[in-house]
């Protein structure tokens, strides 16, 4: 299913960039990601396609 979208300039208050660093989770919680971003996104997309209404 196509989802309509429109590219537009940033809104006032939007962050110009967002970065994350999971090293604090390792330091504080002893947790380390076992999968890379590409694998996580592919897994999420696969779940979303199989469950278009979420958990309903």
PDB file of N, CA and C in Angstrom:
ATOM      1  N   UNK A   1       0.845  -1.177   0.000  1.00  0.00           N
ATOM      2  CA  UNK A   1       0.000   0.000   0.000  1.00  0.00           C
ATOM      3  C   UNK A   1       0.887   1.235   0.000  1.00  0.00           C
ATOM      4  N   UNK A   2       0.634   2.156  -0.907  1.00  0.00           N
ATOM      5  CA  UNK A   2       1.392   3.403  -0.950  1.00  0.00           C
ATOM      6  C   UNK A   2       0.920   4.335   0.161  1.00  0.00           C
ATOM      7  N   UNK A   3       1.857   5.001   0.777  1.00  0.00           N
ATOM      8  CA  UNK A   3       1.549   5.974   1.822  1.00  0.00           C
ATOM      9  C   UNK A   3       1.921   7.344   1.287  1.00  0.00           C
ATOM     10  N   UNK A   4       0.947   8.258   1.221  1.00  0.00           N
ATOM     11  CA  UNK A   4       1.264   9.585   0.696  1.00  0.00           C
ATOM     12  C   UNK A   4       2.200  10.340   1.651  1.00  0.00           C
ATOM     13  N   UNK A   5       3.129  11.067   1.076  1.00  0.00           N
ATOM     14  CA  UNK A   5       4.037  11.875   1.886  1.00  0.00           C
ATOM     15  C   UNK A   5       4.447  13.102   1.098  1.00  0.00           C
ATOM     16  N   UNK A   6       4.983  14.083   1.815  1.00  0.00           N
ATOM     17  CA  UNK A   6       5.424  15.317   1.180  1.00  0.00           C
ATOM     18  C   UNK A   6       6.729  15.738   1.844  1.00  0.00           C
ATOM     19  N   UNK A   7       7.761  16.003   1.044  1.00  0.00           N
ATOM     20  CA  UNK A   7       9.012  16.533   1.572  1.00  0.00           C
ATOM     21  C   UNK A   7       8.821  18.022   1.815  1.00  0.00           C
ATOM     22  N   UNK A   8       9.252  18.471   2.973  1.00  0.00           N
ATOM     23  CA  UNK A   8       9.061  19.871   3.336  1.00  0.00           C
ATOM     24  C   UNK A   8      10.275  20.342   4.129  1.00  0.00           C
ATOM     25  N   UNK A   9      10.459  21.650   4.214  1.00  0.00           N
ATOM     26  CA  UNK A   9      11.569  22.167   5.017  1.00  0.00           C
ATOM     27  C   UNK A   9      11.374  21.828   6.496  1.00  0.00           C
ATOM     28  N   UNK A  10      12.479  21.864   7.232  1.00  0.00           N
ATOM     29  CA  UNK A  10      12.400  21.647   8.673  1.00  0.00           C
ATOM     30  C   UNK A  10      11.474  22.658   9.313  1.00  0.00           C
ATOM     31  N   UNK A  11      10.780  22.218  10.356  1.00  0.00           N
ATOM     32  CA  UNK A  11       9.918  23.121  11.118  1.00  0.00           C
ATOM     33  C   UNK A  11      10.738  23.782  12.220  1.00  0.00           C
ATOM     34  N   UNK A  12      10.240  24.885  12.728  1.00  0.00           N
ATOM     35  CA  UNK A  12      10.907  25.549  13.854  1.00  0.00           C
ATOM     36  C   UNK A  12      10.975  24.562  15.016  1.00  0.00           C
ATOM     37  N   UNK A  13      12.138  24.412  15.598  1.00  0.00           N
ATOM     38  CA  UNK A  13      12.302  23.509  16.729  1.00  0.00           C
ATOM     39  C   UNK A  13      12.745  22.108  16.353  1.00  0.00           C
ATOM     40  N   UNK A  14      12.685  21.729  15.068  1.00  0.00           N
ATOM     41  CA  UNK A  14      13.163  20.412  14.643  1.00  0.00           C
ATOM     42  C   UNK A  14      14.683  20.346  14.791  1.00  0.00           C
ATOM     43  N   UNK A  15      15.171  19.221  15.262  1.00  0.00           N
ATOM     44  CA  UNK A  15      16.616  19.035  15.387  1.00  0.00           C
ATOM     45  C   UNK A  15      17.230  18.880  13.997  1.00  0.00           C
ATOM     46  N   UNK A  16      18.373  19.534  13.737  1.00  0.00           N
ATOM     47  CA  UNK A  16      19.002  19.405  12.422  1.00  0.00           C
ATOM     48  C   UNK A  16      19.554  18.002  12.184  1.00  0.00           C
ATOM     49  N   UNK A  17      20.000  17.329  13.237  1.00  0.00           N
ATOM     50  CA  UNK A  17      20.540  15.971  13.140  1.00  0.00           C
ATOM     51  C   UNK A  17      20.264  15.260  14.455  1.00  0.00           C
ATOM     52  N   UNK A  18      20.156  13.949  14.399  1.00  0.00           N
ATOM     53  CA  UNK A  18      19.973  13.146  15.605  1.00  0.00           C
ATOM     54  C   UNK A  18      20.983  12.004  15.558  1.00  0.00           C
ATOM     55  N   UNK A  19      21.726  11.849  16.625  1.00  0.00           N
ATOM     56  CA  UNK A  19      22.754  10.810  16.699  1.00  0.00           C
ATOM     57  C   UNK A  19      22.538   9.997  17.964  1.00  0.00           C
ATOM     58  N   UNK A  20      22.916   8.746  17.928  1.00  0.00           N
ATOM     59  CA  UNK A  20      22.824   7.900  19.110  1.00  0.00           C
ATOM     60  C   UNK A  20      24.119   7.138  19.323  1.00  0.00           C
ATOM     61  N   UNK A  21      24.428   6.870  20.578  1.00  0.00           N
ATOM     62  CA  UNK A  21      25.620   6.110  20.918  1.00  0.00           C
ATOM     63  C   UNK A  21      25.230   5.119  22.014  1.00  0.00           C
ATOM     64  N   UNK A  22      25.229   3.828  21.714  1.00  0.00           N
ATOM     65  CA  UNK A  22      24.786   2.841  22.698  1.00  0.00           C
ATOM     66  C   UNK A  22      25.823   2.499  23.770  1.00  0.00           C
ATOM     67  N   UNK A  23      26.958   3.188  23.792  1.00  0.00           N
ATOM     68  CA  UNK A  23      28.007   2.822  24.753  1.00  0.00           C
ATOM     69  C   UNK A  23      27.565   3.019  26.197  1.00  0.00           C
ATOM     70  N   UNK A  24      26.670   3.960  26.472  1.00  0.00           N
ATOM     71  CA  UNK A  24      26.193   4.162  27.840  1.00  0.00           C
ATOM     72  C   UNK A  24      25.394   2.947  28.314  1.00  0.00           C
ATOM     73  N   UNK A  25      24.625   2.324  27.422  1.00  0.00           N
ATOM     74  CA  UNK A  25      23.879   1.116  27.791  1.00  0.00           C
ATOM     75  C   UNK A  25      24.841  -0.003  28.187  1.00  0.00           C
ATOM     76  N   UNK A  26      25.957  -0.105  27.497  1.00  0.00           N
ATOM     77  CA  UNK A  26      26.952  -1.123  27.843  1.00  0.00           C
ATOM     78  C   UNK A  26      27.582  -0.808  29.195  1.00  0.00           C
ATOM     79  N   UNK A  27      27.939   0.451  29.402  1.00  0.00           N
ATOM     80  CA  UNK A  27      28.585   0.857  30.647  1.00  0.00           C
ATOM     81  C   UNK A  27      27.655   0.712  31.846  1.00  0.00           C
ATOM     82  N   UNK A  28      26.435   1.211  31.735  1.00  0.00           N
ATOM     83  CA  UNK A  28      25.512   1.250  32.872  1.00  0.00           C
ATOM     84  C   UNK A  28      24.703  -0.036  33.049  1.00  0.00           C
ATOM     85  N   UNK A  29      24.350  -0.693  31.953  1.00  0.00           N
ATOM     86  CA  UNK A  29      23.442  -1.837  32.028  1.00  0.00           C
ATOM     87  C   UNK A  29      24.077  -3.162  31.636  1.00  0.00           C
ATOM     88  N   UNK A  30      25.268  -3.091  31.049  1.00  0.00           N
ATOM     89  CA  UNK A  30      25.895  -4.311  30.567  1.00  0.00           C
ATOM     90  C   UNK A  30      25.206  -4.869  29.329  1.00  0.00           C
ATOM     91  N   UNK A  31      24.463  -4.017  28.612  1.00  0.00           N
ATOM     92  CA  UNK A  31      23.715  -4.443  27.425  1.00  0.00           C
ATOM     93  C   UNK A  31      24.449  -4.006  26.175  1.00  0.00           C
ATOM     94  N   UNK A  32      24.527  -4.903  25.200  1.00  0.00           N
ATOM     95  CA  UNK A  32      25.158  -4.590  23.930  1.00  0.00           C
ATOM     96  C   UNK A  32      24.265  -5.108  22.809  1.00  0.00           C
ATOM     97  N   UNK A  33      24.032  -4.286  21.807  1.00  0.00           N
ATOM     98  CA  UNK A  33      23.226  -4.701  20.660  1.00  0.00           C
ATOM     99  C   UNK A  33      23.909  -5.864  19.955  1.00  0.00           C
ATOM    100  N   UNK A  34      23.116  -6.866  19.582  1.00  0.00           N
ATOM    101  CA  UNK A  34      23.667  -8.031  18.891  1.00  0.00           C
ATOM    102  C   UNK A  34      23.426  -7.976  17.394  1.00  0.00           C
ATOM    103  N   UNK A  35      22.628  -7.019  16.938  1.00  0.00           N
ATOM    104  CA  UNK A  35      22.298  -6.908  15.518  1.00  0.00           C
ATOM    105  C   UNK A  35      22.614  -5.495  15.057  1.00  0.00           C
ATOM    106  N   UNK A  36      22.919  -5.361  13.770  1.00  0.00           N
ATOM    107  CA  UNK A  36      23.192  -4.051  13.204  1.00  0.00           C
ATOM    108  C   UNK A  36      21.904  -3.333  12.814  1.00  0.00           C
ATOM    109  N   UNK A  37      22.027  -2.077  12.474  1.00  0.00           N
ATOM    110  CA  UNK A  37      20.874  -1.261  12.123  1.00  0.00           C
ATOM    111  C   UNK A  37      20.120  -1.830  10.921  1.00  0.00           C
ATOM    112  N   UNK A  38      20.831  -2.260   9.885  1.00  0.00           N
ATOM    113  CA  UNK A  38      20.160  -2.813   8.698  1.00  0.00           C
ATOM    114  C   UNK A  38      19.294  -4.019   9.061  1.00  0.00           C
ATOM    115  N   UNK A  39      19.811  -4.918   9.887  1.00  0.00           N
ATOM    116  CA  UNK A  39      19.050  -6.105  10.291  1.00  0.00           C
ATOM    117  C   UNK A  39      17.841  -5.717  11.136  1.00  0.00           C
ATOM    118  N   UNK A  40      18.008  -4.746  12.025  1.00  0.00           N
ATOM    119  CA  UNK A  40      16.891  -4.320  12.871  1.00  0.00           C
ATOM    120  C   UNK A  40      15.785  -3.675  12.051  1.00  0.00           C
ATOM    121  N   UNK A  41      16.150  -2.825  11.110  1.00  0.00           N
ATOM    122  CA  UNK A  41      15.153  -2.168  10.262  1.00  0.00           C
ATOM    123  C   UNK A  41      14.436  -3.197   9.395  1.00  0.00           C
ATOM    124  N   UNK A  42      15.163  -4.149   8.825  1.00  0.00           N
ATOM    125  CA  UNK A  42      14.545  -5.189   7.998  1.00  0.00           C
ATOM    126  C   UNK A  42      13.577  -6.028   8.820  1.00  0.00           C
ATOM    127  N   UNK A  43      13.947  -6.366  10.051  1.00  0.00           N
ATOM    128  CA  UNK A  43      13.080  -7.150  10.924  1.00  0.00           C
ATOM    129  C   UNK A  43      11.814  -6.372  11.273  1.00  0.00           C
ATOM    130  N   UNK A  44      11.973  -5.107  11.594  1.00  0.00           N
ATOM    131  CA  UNK A  44      10.805  -4.274  11.912  1.00  0.00           C
ATOM    132  C   UNK A  44       9.880  -4.165  10.705  1.00  0.00           C
ATOM    133  N   UNK A  45      10.434  -3.941   9.530  1.00  0.00           N
ATOM    134  CA  UNK A  45       9.613  -3.802   8.324  1.00  0.00           C
ATOM    135  C   UNK A  45       8.871  -5.105   8.026  1.00  0.00           C
ATOM    136  N   UNK A  46       9.539  -6.239   8.209  1.00  0.00           N
ATOM    137  CA  UNK A  46       8.892  -7.533   7.998  1.00  0.00           C
ATOM    138  C   UNK A  46       7.711  -7.692   8.962  1.00  0.00           C
ATOM    139  N   UNK A  47       7.910  -7.349  10.237  1.00  0.00           N
ATOM    140  CA  UNK A  47       6.828  -7.444  11.216  1.00  0.00           C
ATOM    141  C   UNK A  47       5.686  -6.507  10.843  1.00  0.00           C
ATOM    142  N   UNK A  48       6.017  -5.278  10.453  1.00  0.00           N
ATOM    143  CA  UNK A  48       4.987  -4.294  10.115  1.00  0.00           C
ATOM    144  C   UNK A  48       4.145  -4.767   8.932  1.00  0.00           C
ATOM    145  N   UNK A  49       4.785  -5.357   7.927  1.00  0.00           N
ATOM    146  CA  UNK A  49       4.037  -5.860   6.766  1.00  0.00           C
ATOM    147  C   UNK A  49       3.113  -7.011   7.160  1.00  0.00           C
ATOM    148  N   UNK A  50       3.551  -7.840   8.096  1.00  0.00           N
ATOM    149  CA  UNK A  50       2.731  -8.973   8.528  1.00  0.00           C
ATOM    150  C   UNK A  50       1.649  -8.563   9.522  1.00  0.00           C
ATOM    151  N   UNK A  51       1.789  -7.395  10.139  1.00  0.00           N
ATOM    152  CA  UNK A  51       0.848  -6.921  11.160  1.00  0.00           C
ATOM    153  C   UNK A  51       0.476  -5.467  10.892  1.00  0.00           C
ATOM    154  N   UNK A  52      -0.211  -5.180   9.785  1.00  0.00           N
ATOM    155  CA  UNK A  52      -0.483  -3.787   9.417  1.00  0.00           C
ATOM    156  C   UNK A  52      -1.333  -3.031  10.436  1.00  0.00           C
ATOM    157  N   UNK A  53      -2.081  -3.753  11.271  1.00  0.00           N
ATOM    158  CA  UNK A  53      -2.896  -3.097  12.300  1.00  0.00           C
ATOM    159  C   UNK A  53      -2.226  -3.136  13.665  1.00  0.00           C
ATOM    160  N   UNK A  54      -0.970  -3.465  13.705  1.00  0.00           N
ATOM    161  CA  UNK A  54      -0.248  -3.512  14.972  1.00  0.00           C
ATOM    162  C   UNK A  54      -0.672  -4.709  15.806  1.00  0.00           C
ATOM    163  N   UNK A  55      -0.886  -4.494  17.094  1.00  0.00           N
ATOM    164  CA  UNK A  55      -1.223  -5.579  18.016  1.00  0.00           C
ATOM    165  C   UNK A  55      -2.722  -5.793  18.163  1.00  0.00           C
ATOM    166  N   UNK A  56      -3.539  -5.204  17.314  1.00  0.00           N
ATOM    167  CA  UNK A  56      -5.001  -5.356  17.424  1.00  0.00           C
ATOM    168  C   UNK A  56      -5.425  -6.777  17.208  1.00  0.00           C
TER     169      UNK A  56
END
